[in-house]
C-alpha atoms as a PDB file:
ATOM      1  CA  MET A   1       7.098  13.667  -3.029  1.00  0.00           C
ATOM      2  CA  LEU A   2       5.217  12.977   0.439  1.00  0.00           C
ATOM      3  CA  GLU A   3       6.165  13.584   4.308  1.00  0.00           C
ATOM      4  CA  VAL A   4       4.821  12.569   7.168  1.00  0.00           C
ATOM      5  CA  LYS A   5       5.197  14.439  10.443  1.00  0.00           C
ATOM      6  CA  ASP A   6       4.413  13.973  13.790  1.00  0.00           C
ATOM      7  CA  LEU A   7       1.593  11.828  13.067  1.00  0.00           C
ATOM      8  CA  MET A   8      -0.857  10.738  15.728  1.00  0.00           C
ATOM      9  CA  VAL A   9      -3.744   8.606  15.566  1.00  0.00           C
ATOM     10  CA  PHE A  10      -5.981   7.838  18.695  1.00  0.00           C
ATOM     11  CA  PHE A  11      -9.275   4.950  18.328  1.00  0.00           C
ATOM     12  CA  GLU A  12     -10.806   6.113  21.593  1.00  0.00           C
ATOM     13  CA  ASN A  13      -8.019   5.825  24.351  1.00  0.00           C
ATOM     14  CA  ALA A  14      -5.833   3.620  22.152  1.00  0.00           C
ATOM     15  CA  LEU A  15      -2.604   5.310  20.832  1.00  0.00           C
ATOM     16  CA  ALA A  16      -2.299   3.589  17.234  1.00  0.00           C
ATOM     17  CA  LEU A  17       0.478   5.737  15.679  1.00  0.00           C
ATOM     18  CA  ASN A  18       2.690   7.988  18.266  1.00  0.00           C
ATOM     19  CA  SER A  19       4.546  10.973  16.538  1.00  0.00           C
ATOM     20  CA  PHE A  20       5.515   8.949  13.674  1.00  0.00           C
ATOM     21  CA  SER A  21       7.333  10.757  10.562  1.00  0.00           C
ATOM     22  CA  MET A  22       8.963  10.028   7.226  1.00  0.00           C
ATOM     23  CA  ARG A  23       9.501  10.617   3.611  1.00  0.00           C
ATOM     24  CA  VAL A  24       9.639   8.988   0.515  1.00  0.00           C
ATOM     25  CA  ASP A  25      10.758  10.766  -2.119  1.00  0.00           C
ATOM     26  CA  ALA A  26      10.183  10.846  -5.713  1.00  0.00           C
ATOM     27  CA  GLY A  27      11.232   7.632  -7.454  1.00  0.00           C
ATOM     28  CA  GLU A  28      12.060   5.533  -4.427  1.00  0.00           C
ATOM     29  CA  VAL A  29      10.590   2.088  -3.209  1.00  0.00           C
ATOM     30  CA  VAL A  30      10.151   2.440   0.774  1.00  0.00           C
ATOM     31  CA  GLY A  31       9.136  -0.064   3.150  1.00  0.00           C
ATOM     32  CA  VAL A  32       7.834   0.003   6.271  1.00  0.00           C
ATOM     33  CA  LEU A  33       8.390  -2.909   8.556  1.00  0.00           C
ATOM     34  CA  GLY A  34       6.198  -3.985  11.481  1.00  0.00           C
ATOM     35  CA  SER A  35       4.694  -6.874  13.761  1.00  0.00           C
ATOM     36  CA  ASN A  36       1.031  -7.455  13.376  1.00  0.00           C
ATOM     37  CA  SER A  37      -1.033  -4.512  14.849  1.00  0.00           C
ATOM     38  CA  ALA A  38       2.090  -2.337  14.708  1.00  0.00           C
ATOM     39  CA  GLY A  39       0.020   0.390  13.153  1.00  0.00           C
ATOM     40  CA  LYS A  40       1.229  -0.279   9.502  1.00  0.00           C
ATOM     41  CA  SER A  41      -2.332  -0.371   8.131  1.00  0.00           C
ATOM     42  CA  THR A  42      -3.447   2.781  10.241  1.00  0.00           C
ATOM     43  CA  LEU A  43      -0.523   4.363   8.575  1.00  0.00           C
ATOM     44  CA  MET A  44      -1.642   3.243   5.349  1.00  0.00           C
ATOM     45  CA  ASN A  45      -5.568   4.559   5.785  1.00  0.00           C
ATOM     46  CA  THR A  46      -4.365   7.814   7.077  1.00  0.00           C
ATOM     47  CA  ILE A  47      -2.282   8.412   3.776  1.00  0.00           C
ATOM     48  CA  SER A  48      -4.946   7.370   1.686  1.00  0.00           C
ATOM     49  CA  GLY A  49      -7.481   8.935   3.504  1.00  0.00           C
ATOM     50  CA  LEU A  50      -9.828   5.956   4.551  1.00  0.00           C
ATOM     51  CA  ILE A  51      -8.777   6.769   8.022  1.00  0.00           C
ATOM     52  CA  LEU A  52     -12.084   9.662   6.838  1.00  0.00           C
ATOM     53  CA  ASP A  53     -14.306   7.290   6.333  1.00  0.00           C
ATOM     54  CA  ILE A  54     -13.550   5.418   8.954  1.00  0.00           C
ATOM     55  CA  GLN A  55     -13.807   8.215  11.303  1.00  0.00           C
ATOM     56  CA  GLU A  56     -17.564   9.029   9.887  1.00  0.00           C
ATOM     57  CA  LYS A  57     -18.945   5.596  10.094  1.00  0.00           C
ATOM     58  CA  GLU A  58     -17.676   5.667  13.829  1.00  0.00           C
ATOM     59  CA  ARG A  59     -19.442   8.570  14.484  1.00  0.00           C
ATOM     60  CA  MET A  60     -22.684   7.771  13.036  1.00  0.00           C
ATOM     61  CA  ARG A  61     -22.871   4.762  14.707  1.00  0.00           C
ATOM     62  CA  GLY A  62     -21.815   5.917  17.976  1.00  0.00           C
ATOM     63  CA  GLY A  63     -18.630   3.544  17.739  1.00  0.00           C
ATOM     64  CA  GLU A  64     -15.473   4.731  18.911  1.00  0.00           C
ATOM     65  CA  ARG A  65     -14.007   8.218  18.678  1.00  0.00           C
ATOM     66  CA  ILE A  66     -11.036   8.632  16.492  1.00  0.00           C
ATOM     67  CA  THR A  67      -8.455  11.477  16.107  1.00  0.00           C
ATOM     68  CA  VAL A  68      -5.858  12.440  14.033  1.00  0.00           C
ATOM     69  CA  MET A  69      -3.331  14.861  14.542  1.00  0.00           C
ATOM     70  CA  GLY A  70      -0.239  15.661  12.511  1.00  0.00           C
ATOM     71  CA  GLN A  71       0.782  16.918   9.018  1.00  0.00           C
ATOM     72  CA  LEU A  72       0.248  15.006   5.745  1.00  0.00           C
ATOM     73  CA  LEU A  73       2.226  16.882   2.872  1.00  0.00           C
ATOM     74  CA  PHE A  74       1.878  15.483  -0.674  1.00  0.00           C
ATOM     75  CA  ASN A  75       4.043  17.888  -2.946  1.00  0.00           C
ATOM     76  CA  GLY A  76       3.702  19.940  -0.544  1.00  0.00           C
ATOM     77  CA  GLU A  77      -0.188  20.435  -0.158  1.00  0.00           C
ATOM     78  CA  ASP A  78      -1.622  19.364   2.869  1.00  0.00           C
ATOM     79  CA  LEU A  79      -4.099  16.526   2.631  1.00  0.00           C
ATOM     80  CA  ALA A  80      -6.095  16.634   6.031  1.00  0.00           C
ATOM     81  CA  ARG A  81      -9.234  17.765   4.588  1.00  0.00           C
ATOM     82  CA  LEU A  82      -9.340  15.910   1.378  1.00  0.00           C
ATOM     83  CA  SER A  83     -11.552  13.100   0.444  1.00  0.00           C
ATOM     84  CA  PRO A  84     -10.133   9.508  -0.199  1.00  0.00           C
ATOM     85  CA  SER A  85     -11.443   9.881  -4.191  1.00  0.00           C
ATOM     86  CA  GLU A  86      -9.456  13.683  -3.865  1.00  0.00           C
ATOM     87  CA  ARG A  87      -6.328  11.881  -3.066  1.00  0.00           C
ATOM     88  CA  VAL A  88      -7.033   9.408  -5.696  1.00  0.00           C
ATOM     89  CA  ARG A  89      -7.439  12.193  -8.013  1.00  0.00           C
ATOM     90  CA  ARG A  90      -3.953  13.490  -6.921  1.00  0.00           C
ATOM     91  CA  GLY A  91      -2.380  10.162  -7.695  1.00  0.00           C
ATOM     92  CA  ILE A  92      -2.135   8.259  -4.122  1.00  0.00           C
ATOM     93  CA  VAL A  93      -3.651   4.791  -4.697  1.00  0.00           C
ATOM     94  CA  LEU A  94      -4.120   2.276  -2.127  1.00  0.00           C
ATOM     95  CA  ALA A  95      -3.843  -1.925  -2.328  1.00  0.00           C
ATOM     96  CA  ARG A  96      -5.281  -2.520   1.111  1.00  0.00           C
ATOM     97  CA  GLU A  97      -4.473  -6.015   3.180  1.00  0.00           C
ATOM     98  CA  ARG A  98      -6.838  -8.168   1.689  1.00  0.00           C
ATOM     99  CA  HIS A  99      -8.588  -5.274  -0.731  1.00  0.00           C
ATOM    100  CA  PRO A 100     -11.982  -6.798  -1.829  1.00  0.00           C
ATOM    101  CA  VAL A 101     -12.636  -7.142  -5.576  1.00  0.00           C
ATOM    102  CA  PHE A 102     -15.688  -7.615  -6.930  1.00  0.00           C
ATOM    103  CA  PRO A 103     -16.611 -11.071  -7.363  1.00  0.00           C
ATOM    104  CA  ASP A 104     -19.310 -11.833  -9.602  1.00  0.00           C
ATOM    105  CA  SER A 105     -17.019  -9.434 -12.249  1.00  0.00           C
ATOM    106  CA  THR A 106     -14.548 -10.836 -14.414  1.00  0.00           C
ATOM    107  CA  VAL A 107     -10.663  -9.900 -13.924  1.00  0.00           C
ATOM    108  CA  VAL A 108     -10.896  -7.105 -17.100  1.00  0.00           C
ATOM    109  CA  GLU A 109     -14.006  -5.913 -15.711  1.00  0.00           C
ATOM    110  CA  ASN A 110     -12.421  -5.548 -12.095  1.00  0.00           C
ATOM    111  CA  LEU A 111      -9.573  -3.274 -13.728  1.00  0.00           C
ATOM    112  CA  LYS A 112     -11.855  -1.219 -15.882  1.00  0.00           C
ATOM    113  CA  ILE A 113     -14.167  -0.158 -12.527  1.00  0.00           C
ATOM    114  CA  ALA A 114     -10.824   0.731 -11.385  1.00  0.00           C
ATOM    115  CA  GLY A 115     -10.275   3.356 -14.096  1.00  0.00           C
ATOM    116  CA  TYR A 116     -12.996   5.412 -13.732  1.00  0.00           C
ATOM    117  CA  LEU A 117     -11.393   8.331 -13.309  1.00  0.00           C
ATOM    118  CA  ARG A 118      -9.413   8.056 -16.371  1.00  0.00           C
ATOM    119  CA  LYS A 119      -9.372   7.902 -20.321  1.00  0.00           C
ATOM    120  CA  SER A 120     -10.450   4.743 -21.694  1.00  0.00           C
ATOM    121  CA  ARG A 121      -7.392   5.104 -23.775  1.00  0.00           C
ATOM    122  CA  ASP A 122      -5.405   5.178 -20.763  1.00  0.00           C
ATOM    123  CA  VAL A 123      -7.452   2.442 -18.887  1.00  0.00           C
ATOM    124  CA  LYS A 124      -6.587   0.455 -21.813  1.00  0.00           C
ATOM    125  CA  GLU A 125      -3.070   0.776 -22.578  1.00  0.00           C
ATOM    126  CA  THR A 126      -2.052   0.594 -18.460  1.00  0.00           C
ATOM    127  CA  ILE A 127      -4.596  -3.198 -18.320  1.00  0.00           C
ATOM    128  CA  ASP A 128      -2.808  -4.299 -21.123  1.00  0.00           C
ATOM    129  CA  TYR A 129       0.772  -2.991 -18.874  1.00  0.00           C
ATOM    130  CA  VAL A 130      -1.122  -4.725 -16.025  1.00  0.00           C
ATOM    131  CA  MET A 131      -1.191  -8.127 -18.043  1.00  0.00           C
ATOM    132  CA  SER A 132       2.428  -7.696 -18.766  1.00  0.00           C
ATOM    133  CA  VAL A 133       3.517  -7.531 -15.534  1.00  0.00           C
ATOM    134  CA  PHE A 134       1.301 -10.208 -13.797  1.00  0.00           C
ATOM    135  CA  VAL A 135       1.698 -12.742 -16.517  1.00  0.00           C
ATOM    136  CA  PRO A 136      -0.994 -15.515 -14.719  1.00  0.00           C
ATOM    137  CA  LEU A 137      -3.816 -12.487 -15.332  1.00  0.00           C
ATOM    138  CA  GLN A 138      -3.626 -13.173 -19.313  1.00  0.00           C
ATOM    139  CA  SER A 139      -5.291 -16.307 -19.163  1.00  0.00           C
ATOM    140  CA  LEU A 140      -8.208 -15.452 -16.463  1.00  0.00           C
ATOM    141  CA  ARG A 141      -9.401 -12.120 -18.321  1.00  0.00           C
ATOM    142  CA  GLY A 142     -12.684 -13.532 -18.595  1.00  0.00           C
ATOM    143  CA  ARG A 143     -12.891 -15.298 -15.163  1.00  0.00           C
ATOM    144  CA  ARG A 144     -14.963 -13.776 -12.020  1.00  0.00           C
ATOM    145  CA  ALA A 145     -12.783 -12.416  -9.926  1.00  0.00           C
ATOM    146  CA  GLY A 146     -14.308 -14.181  -7.031  1.00  0.00           C
ATOM    147  CA  LEU A 147     -13.055 -17.601  -8.479  1.00  0.00           C
ATOM    148  CA  LEU A 148      -9.394 -16.509  -8.775  1.00  0.00           C
ATOM    149  CA  SER A 149      -7.158 -18.009  -5.878  1.00  0.00           C
ATOM    150  CA  GLY A 150      -5.683 -15.430  -3.032  1.00  0.00           C
ATOM    151  CA  GLY A 151      -2.469 -14.716  -4.990  1.00  0.00           C
ATOM    152  CA  GLU A 152      -4.441 -14.185  -8.181  1.00  0.00           C
ATOM    153  CA  GLN A 153      -6.304 -11.991  -6.461  1.00  0.00           C
ATOM    154  CA  GLN A 154      -3.696 -10.096  -5.041  1.00  0.00           C
ATOM    155  CA  MET A 155      -2.398  -9.828  -8.173  1.00  0.00           C
ATOM    156  CA  LEU A 156      -5.705  -8.043  -9.541  1.00  0.00           C
ATOM    157  CA  VAL A 157      -5.679  -5.746  -7.106  1.00  0.00           C
ATOM    158  CA  ILE A 158      -2.502  -4.180  -7.489  1.00  0.00           C
ATOM    159  CA  GLY A 159      -3.334  -4.260 -11.158  1.00  0.00           C
ATOM    160  CA  CYS A 160      -6.479  -2.442 -10.331  1.00  0.00           C
ATOM    161  CA  SER A 161      -4.320  -0.013  -8.269  1.00  0.00           C
ATOM    162  CA  LEU A 162      -2.102   0.713 -11.255  1.00  0.00           C
ATOM    163  CA  VAL A 163      -5.193   1.529 -13.406  1.00  0.00           C
ATOM    164  CA  ALA A 164      -6.177   3.855 -11.380  1.00  0.00           C
ATOM    165  CA  GLY A 165      -3.366   6.118 -12.247  1.00  0.00           C
ATOM    166  CA  PRO A 166      -1.056   6.177  -9.168  1.00  0.00           C
ATOM    167  CA  LYS A 167       1.780   8.860  -8.663  1.00  0.00           C
ATOM    168  CA  LEU A 168       2.269   7.283  -5.114  1.00  0.00           C
ATOM    169  CA  LEU A 169       1.555   3.651  -4.849  1.00  0.00           C
ATOM    170  CA  LEU A 170       0.546   2.624  -1.134  1.00  0.00           C
ATOM    171  CA  LEU A 171       0.674  -1.445  -0.761  1.00  0.00           C
ATOM    172  CA  ASP A 172      -0.524  -2.618   2.537  1.00  0.00           C
ATOM    173  CA  GLU A 173       0.891  -6.021   3.480  1.00  0.00           C
ATOM    174  CA  PRO A 174       0.904  -7.167  -0.149  1.00  0.00           C
ATOM    175  CA  LEU A 175       2.695 -10.755   0.628  1.00  0.00           C
ATOM    176  CA  LEU A 176      -0.149 -11.473   3.313  1.00  0.00           C
ATOM    177  CA  GLY A 177      -0.775 -15.265   2.984  1.00  0.00           C
ATOM    178  CA  LEU A 178       0.991 -15.817  -0.149  1.00  0.00           C
ATOM    179  CA  SER A 179       3.412 -18.935  -0.689  1.00  0.00           C
ATOM    180  CA  PRO A 180       7.423 -18.373  -0.711  1.00  0.00           C
ATOM    181  CA  ALA A 181       7.161 -18.599  -4.245  1.00  0.00           C
ATOM    182  CA  LEU A 182       4.405 -16.066  -5.112  1.00  0.00           C
ATOM    183  CA  GLN A 183       5.984 -14.091  -2.887  1.00  0.00           C
ATOM    184  CA  LYS A 184       9.023 -14.104  -4.755  1.00  0.00           C
ATOM    185  CA  GLU A 185       6.997 -13.266  -8.543  1.00  0.00           C
ATOM    186  CA  LEU A 186       4.986 -10.187  -6.171  1.00  0.00           C
ATOM    187  CA  MET A 187       8.369  -8.640  -5.345  1.00  0.00           C
ATOM    188  CA  LYS A 188       9.527  -8.967  -9.083  1.00  0.00           C
ATOM    189  CA  ALA A 189       6.384  -7.586 -10.236  1.00  0.00           C
ATOM    190  CA  ILE A 190       6.808  -4.196  -7.952  1.00  0.00           C
ATOM    191  CA  VAL A 191      10.861  -4.154  -9.193  1.00  0.00           C
ATOM    192  CA  ALA A 192       9.168  -4.607 -12.722  1.00  0.00           C
ATOM    193  CA  ILE A 193       6.988  -1.411 -11.984  1.00  0.00           C
ATOM    194  CA  ARG A 194       9.065   0.885 -10.471  1.00  0.00           C
ATOM    195  CA  LYS A 195      11.696   0.510 -13.537  1.00  0.00           C
ATOM    196  CA  GLY A 196       8.894   0.181 -16.197  1.00  0.00           C
ATOM    197  CA  ARG A 197       6.808   3.594 -14.846  1.00  0.00           C
ATOM    198  CA  GLY A 198       9.441   4.742 -12.855  1.00  0.00           C
ATOM    199  CA  MET A 199       6.460   4.728  -9.847  1.00  0.00           C
ATOM    200  CA  THR A 200       6.596   5.885  -6.538  1.00  0.00           C
ATOM    201  CA  ILE A 201       6.132   3.019  -4.121  1.00  0.00           C
ATOM    202  CA  LEU A 202       5.575   2.896   0.153  1.00  0.00           C
ATOM    203  CA  VAL A 203       5.156  -1.025   1.119  1.00  0.00           C
ATOM    204  CA  THR A 204       3.959  -2.397   4.509  1.00  0.00           C
ATOM    205  CA  GLU A 205       4.783  -5.554   5.595  1.00  0.00           C
ATOM    206  CA  GLN A 206       5.926  -7.857   8.620  1.00  0.00           C
ATOM    207  CA  PHE A 207       7.921 -10.499   5.754  1.00  0.00           C
ATOM    208  CA  ALA A 208      11.579  -8.571   5.390  1.00  0.00           C
ATOM    209  CA  ARG A 209      13.284 -11.448   4.022  1.00  0.00           C
ATOM    210  CA  PRO A 210      11.668 -10.975   0.508  1.00  0.00           C
ATOM    211  CA  LEU A 211      11.144  -7.204   0.824  1.00  0.00           C
ATOM    212  CA  LEU A 212      14.292  -5.815   1.996  1.00  0.00           C
ATOM    213  CA  PRO A 213      16.147  -6.529  -0.974  1.00  0.00           C
ATOM    214  CA  VAL A 214      13.897  -4.168  -3.523  1.00  0.00           C
ATOM    215  CA  ILE A 215      13.492  -1.354  -1.274  1.00  0.00           C
ATOM    216  CA  ASP A 216      15.666   2.013  -1.349  1.00  0.00           C
ATOM    217  CA  ARG A 217      15.078   2.888   2.472  1.00  0.00           C
ATOM    218  CA  GLY A 218      12.950   1.558   5.551  1.00  0.00           C
ATOM    219  CA  TYR A 219      11.332   2.293   8.882  1.00  0.00           C
ATOM    220  CA  VAL A 220      10.158  -0.202  11.245  1.00  0.00           C
ATOM    221  CA  ILE A 221       7.736   0.426  13.419  1.00  0.00           C
ATOM    222  CA  GLU A 222       6.839  -0.788  16.725  1.00  0.00           C
ATOM    223  CA  ASN A 223       3.633  -0.243  18.775  1.00  0.00           C
ATOM    224  CA  GLY A 224       2.662   2.768  16.651  1.00  0.00           C
ATOM    225  CA  THR A 225       6.616   3.957  17.548  1.00  0.00           C
ATOM    226  CA  LEU A 226       9.513   4.622  14.896  1.00  0.00           C
ATOM    227  CA  VAL A 227      12.285   2.678  16.190  1.00  0.00           C
ATOM    228  CA  MET A 228      14.646   2.468  13.417  1.00  0.00           C
ATOM    229  CA  SER A 229      15.124   3.730  10.051  1.00  0.00           C
ATOM    230  CA  GLY A 230      17.986   3.445   6.984  1.00  0.00           C
ATOM    231  CA  SER A 231      18.874   2.291   3.832  1.00  0.00           C
ATOM    232  CA  ARG A 232      18.468  -0.812   2.776  1.00  0.00           C
ATOM    233  CA  GLN A 233      22.038  -2.166   3.422  1.00  0.00           C
ATOM    234  CA  GLU A 234      21.683  -0.754   6.986  1.00  0.00           C
ATOM    235  CA  LEU A 235      18.211  -2.396   7.592  1.00  0.00           C
ATOM    236  CA  MET A 236      19.736  -5.851   6.428  1.00  0.00           C
ATOM    237  CA  ASP A 237      23.020  -5.324   8.402  1.00  0.00           C
ATOM    238  CA  ASN A 238      21.065  -4.538  11.468  1.00  0.00           C
ATOM    239  CA  PRO A 239      21.507  -7.171  14.011  1.00  0.00           C
ATOM    240  CA  GLU A 240      17.930  -6.305  15.643  1.00  0.00           C
ATOM    241  CA  VAL A 241      16.350  -6.566  12.529  1.00  0.00           C
ATOM    242  CA  ILE A 242      17.579  -9.899  11.447  1.00  0.00           C
ATOM    243  CA  SER A 243      16.389 -10.925  15.141  1.00  0.00           C
ATOM    244  CA  ALA A 244      13.280  -9.474  14.434  1.00  0.00           C
ATOM    245  CA  TYR A 245      11.846 -10.167  11.198  1.00  0.00           C
ATOM    246  CA  PHE A 246      14.403 -12.965  10.002  1.00  0.00           C
ATOM    247  CA  GLY A 247      13.928 -15.098  12.545  1.00  0.00           C
ATOM    248  CA  VAL A 248      17.721 -15.737  13.272  1.00  0.00           C
END
């Protein structure tokens, strides 16, 4: 479904991604592990196309020059010149780290806004599905999003991503700032989404312990460079992964 080939991203003279290659097959849950500033968000922004908007904003304000090289293929189509909205139309949807919500709009209003590219009946069906996956949102339907807790907002953000109708769901550090209990609940939701919708999911994280049990395959990235890849079990059995990401 997704192929990343020799991806390189430069922020002025700083190398954020260095000849990074990976693949995500249809129906898989694939994880990208890395510490803070390893290049995970740059990878997700590049796949989703947000890097194009960042490039343009920097160019207009005379800021740092951003250069992207390499190839991104989605179902065989080159994504290089597709805008973020065009990528969403093709089914690539990103839930960003600290993704903003509309704070003065209710939970349901946020979900409806996320489905602006889809038919109303499909939006309604998906909102019902989101409520079944993220049960705490059921009693918060009419609450303004700005009044939700951090964990509730993260549920809403992923819910909004689902309403957008993804074929490939990109989750950028969804566990950041959540308690261990909420991290566990969110991982259960990812499993449910994959099972219930057959959805392909790419998720980045620095917290390996809750993530590894739910992925099929994973990649480990350090300083923008791929240093390791393998199946879930191969990574869980690797002493370097255990030492770096399990604190053992």
